[in-house]
Amino acid sequence: MAICIFKWTESHLIYTKSEEIPSENDFFNQIIYSTGNRRMSQR
């Protein structure tokens, strides 16, 4: 659980840092979106 949160925050930091790069933005956007979906479906 903690590792999952750490990985999410890590990718979120990279995501916010590389806002000027659209391709990276989309990439991390998809990761955050898919992980969020997975968390929702587990409930």
C-alpha atoms as a PDB file:
ATOM      1  CA  MET A   1       0.000   0.000   0.000  1.00  0.00           C
ATOM      2  CA  ALA A   2       2.698   2.458   1.027  1.00  0.00           C
ATOM      3  CA  ILE A   3       4.758   1.577  -2.043  1.00  0.00           C
ATOM      4  CA  CYS A   4       1.716   2.200  -4.240  1.00  0.00           C
ATOM      5  CA  ILE A   5       1.177   5.652  -2.718  1.00  0.00           C
ATOM      6  CA  PHE A   6       4.892   6.448  -3.036  1.00  0.00           C
ATOM      7  CA  LYS A   7       4.908   5.408  -6.696  1.00  0.00           C
ATOM      8  CA  TRP A   8       1.797   7.514  -7.328  1.00  0.00           C
ATOM      9  CA  THR A   9       3.272  10.611  -5.666  1.00  0.00           C
ATOM     10  CA  GLU A  10       6.563  10.064  -7.496  1.00  0.00           C
ATOM     11  CA  SER A  11       4.850   9.928 -10.894  1.00  0.00           C
ATOM     12  CA  HIS A  12       2.634  12.840  -9.846  1.00  0.00           C
ATOM     13  CA  LEU A  13       5.723  14.945  -9.082  1.00  0.00           C
ATOM     14  CA  ILE A  14       7.237  14.067 -12.464  1.00  0.00           C
ATOM     15  CA  TYR A  15       3.832  14.768 -14.042  1.00  0.00           C
ATOM     16  CA  THR A  16       3.655  18.279 -12.567  1.00  0.00           C
ATOM     17  CA  LYS A  17       7.331  18.968 -13.304  1.00  0.00           C
ATOM     18  CA  SER A  18       7.029  18.102 -17.012  1.00  0.00           C
ATOM     19  CA  GLU A  19       3.815  20.011 -17.645  1.00  0.00           C
ATOM     20  CA  GLU A  20       5.384  21.731 -20.664  1.00  0.00           C
ATOM     21  CA  ILE A  21       5.888  18.364 -22.397  1.00  0.00           C
ATOM     22  CA  PRO A  22       2.465  17.243 -23.775  1.00  0.00           C
ATOM     23  CA  SER A  23       3.504  13.648 -24.480  1.00  0.00           C
ATOM     24  CA  GLU A  24       4.753  13.107 -20.916  1.00  0.00           C
ATOM     25  CA  ASN A  25       1.636  14.845 -19.642  1.00  0.00           C
ATOM     26  CA  ASP A  26      -0.614  12.423 -21.502  1.00  0.00           C
ATOM     27  CA  PHE A  27       1.501   9.471 -20.388  1.00  0.00           C
ATOM     28  CA  PHE A  28       1.282  10.249 -16.679  1.00  0.00           C
ATOM     29  CA  ASN A  29      -2.308  11.377 -17.062  1.00  0.00           C
ATOM     30  CA  GLN A  30      -3.149   7.890 -18.330  1.00  0.00           C
ATOM     31  CA  ILE A  31      -1.245   6.258 -15.441  1.00  0.00           C
ATOM     32  CA  ILE A  32      -3.009   8.368 -12.794  1.00  0.00           C
ATOM     33  CA  TYR A  33      -6.357   7.830 -14.532  1.00  0.00           C
ATOM     34  CA  SER A  34      -5.907   4.055 -14.805  1.00  0.00           C
ATOM     35  CA  THR A  35      -4.699   3.695 -11.200  1.00  0.00           C
ATOM     36  CA  GLY A  36      -7.653   5.782 -10.039  1.00  0.00           C
ATOM     37  CA  ASN A  37     -10.019   3.547 -12.012  1.00  0.00           C
ATOM     38  CA  ARG A  38      -8.451   0.431 -10.536  1.00  0.00           C
ATOM     39  CA  ARG A  39      -8.863   1.805  -7.019  1.00  0.00           C
ATOM     40  CA  MET A  40     -12.507   2.628  -7.706  1.00  0.00           C
ATOM     41  CA  SER A  41     -13.299  -0.795  -9.168  1.00  0.00           C
ATOM     42  CA  GLN A  42     -11.759  -2.557  -6.148  1.00  0.00           C
ATOM     43  CA  ARG A  43     -14.395  -1.046  -3.824  1.00  0.00           C
END
